[in-house]
């Protein structure tokens, strides 16, 4: 993300900034490639993000942050840092949706899900427990979980 202020009278500067930014994005390469994320996992991560954004919990968290930023701007303060509560909400929603998407494909153990998603097993256990209580997933006899149909 880049934030630059450009006046309507500064067309050449605007073109230069956009061109430089576009080149920087192109230099990053294919999405997920530099991070070593395989295409199947990247698709699940992107779908999890899309799903999370469609649900009210994440939208409400963003709205709260926007109100706080607006209040700070009125006081002359500028802060573009995500607050810890919003960071935690984003992380939890993405993790939860990734777990559900992986379990739609096949059964996974907690440790397998933790490795796939890149979070500690303890966090996966919390999400699994919540999903079990809601009746969304079931456990198999070999400690693997799957979506309840």
C-alpha atoms as a PDB file:
ATOM      1  CA  UNK A   1       0.000   0.000   0.000  1.00  0.00           C
ATOM      2  CA  UNK A   2       1.206   3.486  -0.774  1.00  0.00           C
ATOM      3  CA  UNK A   3      -0.389   6.805   0.104  1.00  0.00           C
ATOM      4  CA  UNK A   4       0.660   9.937  -1.784  1.00  0.00           C
ATOM      5  CA  UNK A   5      -1.143  13.257  -2.073  1.00  0.00           C
ATOM      6  CA  UNK A   6      -1.389  14.647  -5.609  1.00  0.00           C
ATOM      7  CA  UNK A   7      -3.245  17.748  -6.728  1.00  0.00           C
ATOM      8  CA  UNK A   8      -5.480  17.674  -9.799  1.00  0.00           C
ATOM      9  CA  UNK A   9      -3.016  20.130 -11.367  1.00  0.00           C
ATOM     10  CA  UNK A  10      -0.137  17.643 -11.017  1.00  0.00           C
ATOM     11  CA  UNK A  11      -0.949  15.213 -13.834  1.00  0.00           C
ATOM     12  CA  UNK A  12       2.708  14.445 -14.738  1.00  0.00           C
ATOM     13  CA  UNK A  13       3.513  13.711 -11.076  1.00  0.00           C
ATOM     14  CA  UNK A  14       0.429  11.470 -10.819  1.00  0.00           C
ATOM     15  CA  UNK A  15       1.493   9.502 -13.918  1.00  0.00           C
ATOM     16  CA  UNK A  16       5.032   9.122 -12.521  1.00  0.00           C
ATOM     17  CA  UNK A  17       3.787   7.883  -9.136  1.00  0.00           C
ATOM     18  CA  UNK A  18       1.359   5.386 -10.670  1.00  0.00           C
ATOM     19  CA  UNK A  19       4.002   4.114 -13.106  1.00  0.00           C
ATOM     20  CA  UNK A  20       6.559   3.622 -10.308  1.00  0.00           C
ATOM     21  CA  UNK A  21       4.005   1.908  -8.080  1.00  0.00           C
ATOM     22  CA  UNK A  22       2.907  -0.400 -10.909  1.00  0.00           C
ATOM     23  CA  UNK A  23       6.527  -1.379 -11.556  1.00  0.00           C
ATOM     24  CA  UNK A  24       7.056  -2.128  -7.851  1.00  0.00           C
ATOM     25  CA  UNK A  25       3.994  -4.391  -7.877  1.00  0.00           C
ATOM     26  CA  UNK A  26       5.204  -6.188 -11.014  1.00  0.00           C
ATOM     27  CA  UNK A  27       8.645  -6.689  -9.437  1.00  0.00           C
ATOM     28  CA  UNK A  28       7.003  -8.554  -6.557  1.00  0.00           C
ATOM     29  CA  UNK A  29       6.160 -11.349  -8.993  1.00  0.00           C
ATOM     30  CA  UNK A  30       3.261 -13.753  -9.016  1.00  0.00           C
ATOM     31  CA  UNK A  31       1.064 -13.656  -5.912  1.00  0.00           C
ATOM     32  CA  UNK A  32       2.315 -16.147  -3.325  1.00  0.00           C
ATOM     33  CA  UNK A  33       5.398 -17.134  -5.306  1.00  0.00           C
ATOM     34  CA  UNK A  34       7.986 -15.297  -3.206  1.00  0.00           C
ATOM     35  CA  UNK A  35       6.334 -16.651  -0.041  1.00  0.00           C
ATOM     36  CA  UNK A  36       6.484 -20.224  -1.354  1.00  0.00           C
ATOM     37  CA  UNK A  37       2.707 -20.688  -1.195  1.00  0.00           C
ATOM     38  CA  UNK A  38       1.447 -23.434  -3.498  1.00  0.00           C
ATOM     39  CA  UNK A  39      -1.441 -22.510  -5.787  1.00  0.00           C
ATOM     40  CA  UNK A  40      -4.044 -24.671  -3.987  1.00  0.00           C
ATOM     41  CA  UNK A  41      -3.211 -23.070  -0.621  1.00  0.00           C
ATOM     42  CA  UNK A  42      -3.218 -19.594  -2.165  1.00  0.00           C
ATOM     43  CA  UNK A  43      -6.705 -20.204  -3.576  1.00  0.00           C
ATOM     44  CA  UNK A  44      -7.927 -21.283  -0.140  1.00  0.00           C
ATOM     45  CA  UNK A  45      -6.368 -18.216   1.522  1.00  0.00           C
ATOM     46  CA  UNK A  46      -7.957 -15.860  -0.993  1.00  0.00           C
ATOM     47  CA  UNK A  47     -11.357 -17.559  -0.710  1.00  0.00           C
ATOM     48  CA  UNK A  48     -11.084 -17.444   3.101  1.00  0.00           C
ATOM     49  CA  UNK A  49     -10.389 -13.693   2.911  1.00  0.00           C
ATOM     50  CA  UNK A  50     -13.334 -13.161   0.564  1.00  0.00           C
ATOM     51  CA  UNK A  51     -15.622 -15.197   2.816  1.00  0.00           C
ATOM     52  CA  UNK A  52     -14.458 -13.317   5.923  1.00  0.00           C
ATOM     53  CA  UNK A  53     -15.154  -9.967   4.260  1.00  0.00           C
ATOM     54  CA  UNK A  54     -18.676 -11.056   3.342  1.00  0.00           C
ATOM     55  CA  UNK A  55     -19.538 -11.749   6.989  1.00  0.00           C
ATOM     56  CA  UNK A  56     -20.579  -9.011   9.423  1.00  0.00           C
ATOM     57  CA  UNK A  57     -17.946  -9.623  12.121  1.00  0.00           C
ATOM     58  CA  UNK A  58     -15.033  -8.338  10.066  1.00  0.00           C
ATOM     59  CA  UNK A  59     -17.020  -5.498   8.500  1.00  0.00           C
ATOM     60  CA  UNK A  60     -18.045  -4.333  11.984  1.00  0.00           C
ATOM     61  CA  UNK A  61     -14.418  -4.419  13.174  1.00  0.00           C
ATOM     62  CA  UNK A  62     -13.347  -2.274  10.197  1.00  0.00           C
ATOM     63  CA  UNK A  63     -16.200   0.149  10.867  1.00  0.00           C
ATOM     64  CA  UNK A  64     -15.096   0.579  14.497  1.00  0.00           C
ATOM     65  CA  UNK A  65     -11.522   1.262  13.369  1.00  0.00           C
ATOM     66  CA  UNK A  66     -12.773   3.804  10.807  1.00  0.00           C
ATOM     67  CA  UNK A  67     -14.680   5.703  13.500  1.00  0.00           C
ATOM     68  CA  UNK A  68     -11.581   5.811  15.709  1.00  0.00           C
ATOM     69  CA  UNK A  69      -9.406   7.024  12.810  1.00  0.00           C
ATOM     70  CA  UNK A  70     -11.949   9.752  12.018  1.00  0.00           C
ATOM     71  CA  UNK A  71     -11.910  10.912  15.649  1.00  0.00           C
ATOM     72  CA  UNK A  72      -8.099  11.018  15.680  1.00  0.00           C
ATOM     73  CA  UNK A  73      -8.042  12.951  12.423  1.00  0.00           C
ATOM     74  CA  UNK A  74     -10.332  15.589  13.955  1.00  0.00           C
ATOM     75  CA  UNK A  75      -7.816  15.966  16.782  1.00  0.00           C
ATOM     76  CA  UNK A  76      -5.019  16.434  14.248  1.00  0.00           C
ATOM     77  CA  UNK A  77      -3.562  12.981  14.833  1.00  0.00           C
ATOM     78  CA  UNK A  78      -2.796  10.726  11.904  1.00  0.00           C
ATOM     79  CA  UNK A  79      -2.508   7.011  12.574  1.00  0.00           C
ATOM     80  CA  UNK A  80      -2.818   4.346   9.923  1.00  0.00           C
ATOM     81  CA  UNK A  81      -1.917   1.418  12.155  1.00  0.00           C
ATOM     82  CA  UNK A  82      -4.417  -1.381  12.591  1.00  0.00           C
ATOM     83  CA  UNK A  83      -5.384  -1.664  16.219  1.00  0.00           C
ATOM     84  CA  UNK A  84      -4.701  -4.947  17.989  1.00  0.00           C
ATOM     85  CA  UNK A  85      -8.404  -5.822  18.233  1.00  0.00           C
ATOM     86  CA  UNK A  86      -8.837  -5.481  14.478  1.00  0.00           C
ATOM     87  CA  UNK A  87      -5.662  -7.466  13.793  1.00  0.00           C
ATOM     88  CA  UNK A  88      -6.910 -10.266  16.050  1.00  0.00           C
ATOM     89  CA  UNK A  89     -10.360 -10.269  14.418  1.00  0.00           C
ATOM     90  CA  UNK A  90      -8.842 -10.452  10.928  1.00  0.00           C
ATOM     91  CA  UNK A  91      -6.481 -13.264  11.926  1.00  0.00           C
ATOM     92  CA  UNK A  92      -9.251 -15.265  13.628  1.00  0.00           C
ATOM     93  CA  UNK A  93     -11.716 -14.879  10.764  1.00  0.00           C
ATOM     94  CA  UNK A  94      -9.130 -15.848   8.142  1.00  0.00           C
ATOM     95  CA  UNK A  95      -7.977 -18.848  10.179  1.00  0.00           C
ATOM     96  CA  UNK A  96     -11.511 -20.047  10.848  1.00  0.00           C
ATOM     97  CA  UNK A  97     -12.488 -19.782   7.177  1.00  0.00           C
ATOM     98  CA  UNK A  98      -9.301 -21.527   6.056  1.00  0.00           C
ATOM     99  CA  UNK A  99     -10.004 -24.401   8.451  1.00  0.00           C
ATOM    100  CA  UNK A 100     -13.518 -24.797   7.039  1.00  0.00           C
ATOM    101  CA  UNK A 101     -12.274 -24.661   3.448  1.00  0.00           C
ATOM    102  CA  UNK A 102      -9.561 -27.262   4.051  1.00  0.00           C
ATOM    103  CA  UNK A 103     -12.012 -29.566   5.839  1.00  0.00           C
ATOM    104  CA  UNK A 104     -14.404 -29.325   2.878  1.00  0.00           C
ATOM    105  CA  UNK A 105     -11.737 -31.004   0.765  1.00  0.00           C
ATOM    106  CA  UNK A 106     -10.720 -33.843   3.128  1.00  0.00           C
ATOM    107  CA  UNK A 107     -10.241 -34.685   6.819  1.00  0.00           C
ATOM    108  CA  UNK A 108      -7.275 -33.070   8.574  1.00  0.00           C
ATOM    109  CA  UNK A 109      -5.770 -33.335  12.034  1.00  0.00           C
ATOM    110  CA  UNK A 110      -5.176 -30.276  14.194  1.00  0.00           C
ATOM    111  CA  UNK A 111      -1.424 -30.406  13.545  1.00  0.00           C
ATOM    112  CA  UNK A 112      -1.965 -30.698   9.784  1.00  0.00           C
ATOM    113  CA  UNK A 113      -4.300 -27.704   9.805  1.00  0.00           C
ATOM    114  CA  UNK A 114      -1.852 -25.690  11.922  1.00  0.00           C
ATOM    115  CA  UNK A 115       0.916 -26.398   9.419  1.00  0.00           C
ATOM    116  CA  UNK A 116      -1.279 -25.608   6.400  1.00  0.00           C
ATOM    117  CA  UNK A 117      -2.527 -22.321   7.854  1.00  0.00           C
ATOM    118  CA  UNK A 118       0.669 -21.307   9.619  1.00  0.00           C
ATOM    119  CA  UNK A 119      -0.756 -20.812  13.103  1.00  0.00           C
ATOM    120  CA  UNK A 120      -0.073 -22.625  16.396  1.00  0.00           C
ATOM    121  CA  UNK A 121      -1.958 -25.867  17.086  1.00  0.00           C
ATOM    122  CA  UNK A 122      -3.461 -24.253  20.186  1.00  0.00           C
ATOM    123  CA  UNK A 123      -5.239 -21.677  17.989  1.00  0.00           C
ATOM    124  CA  UNK A 124      -6.504 -24.390  15.655  1.00  0.00           C
ATOM    125  CA  UNK A 125      -7.820 -26.293  18.708  1.00  0.00           C
ATOM    126  CA  UNK A 126      -9.820 -23.221  19.794  1.00  0.00           C
ATOM    127  CA  UNK A 127     -11.390 -22.889  16.343  1.00  0.00           C
ATOM    128  CA  UNK A 128     -12.073 -26.638  16.137  1.00  0.00           C
ATOM    129  CA  UNK A 129     -13.730 -26.588  19.563  1.00  0.00           C
ATOM    130  CA  UNK A 130     -15.939 -23.679  18.510  1.00  0.00           C
ATOM    131  CA  UNK A 131     -16.889 -25.390  15.248  1.00  0.00           C
ATOM    132  CA  UNK A 132     -17.672 -28.654  17.063  1.00  0.00           C
ATOM    133  CA  UNK A 133     -19.960 -26.836  19.528  1.00  0.00           C
ATOM    134  CA  UNK A 134     -21.805 -25.275  16.602  1.00  0.00           C
ATOM    135  CA  UNK A 135     -22.188 -28.718  14.996  1.00  0.00           C
ATOM    136  CA  UNK A 136     -20.308 -27.705  11.848  1.00  0.00           C
ATOM    137  CA  UNK A 137     -17.589 -30.373  12.042  1.00  0.00           C
ATOM    138  CA  UNK A 138     -17.160 -33.922  13.311  1.00  0.00           C
ATOM    139  CA  UNK A 139     -14.179 -35.877  14.560  1.00  0.00           C
ATOM    140  CA  UNK A 140     -13.161 -39.184  13.036  1.00  0.00           C
ATOM    141  CA  UNK A 141     -11.689 -42.017  15.078  1.00  0.00           C
ATOM    142  CA  UNK A 142      -8.110 -41.147  13.998  1.00  0.00           C
ATOM    143  CA  UNK A 143      -8.304 -37.571  15.456  1.00  0.00           C
ATOM    144  CA  UNK A 144      -9.026 -36.019  12.092  1.00  0.00           C
ATOM    145  CA  UNK A 145     -11.859 -33.569  11.551  1.00  0.00           C
ATOM    146  CA  UNK A 146     -14.259 -33.136   8.657  1.00  0.00           C
ATOM    147  CA  UNK A 147     -17.241 -30.978   7.748  1.00  0.00           C
ATOM    148  CA  UNK A 148     -20.521 -32.347   9.078  1.00  0.00           C
ATOM    149  CA  UNK A 149     -23.055 -32.732   6.282  1.00  0.00           C
END
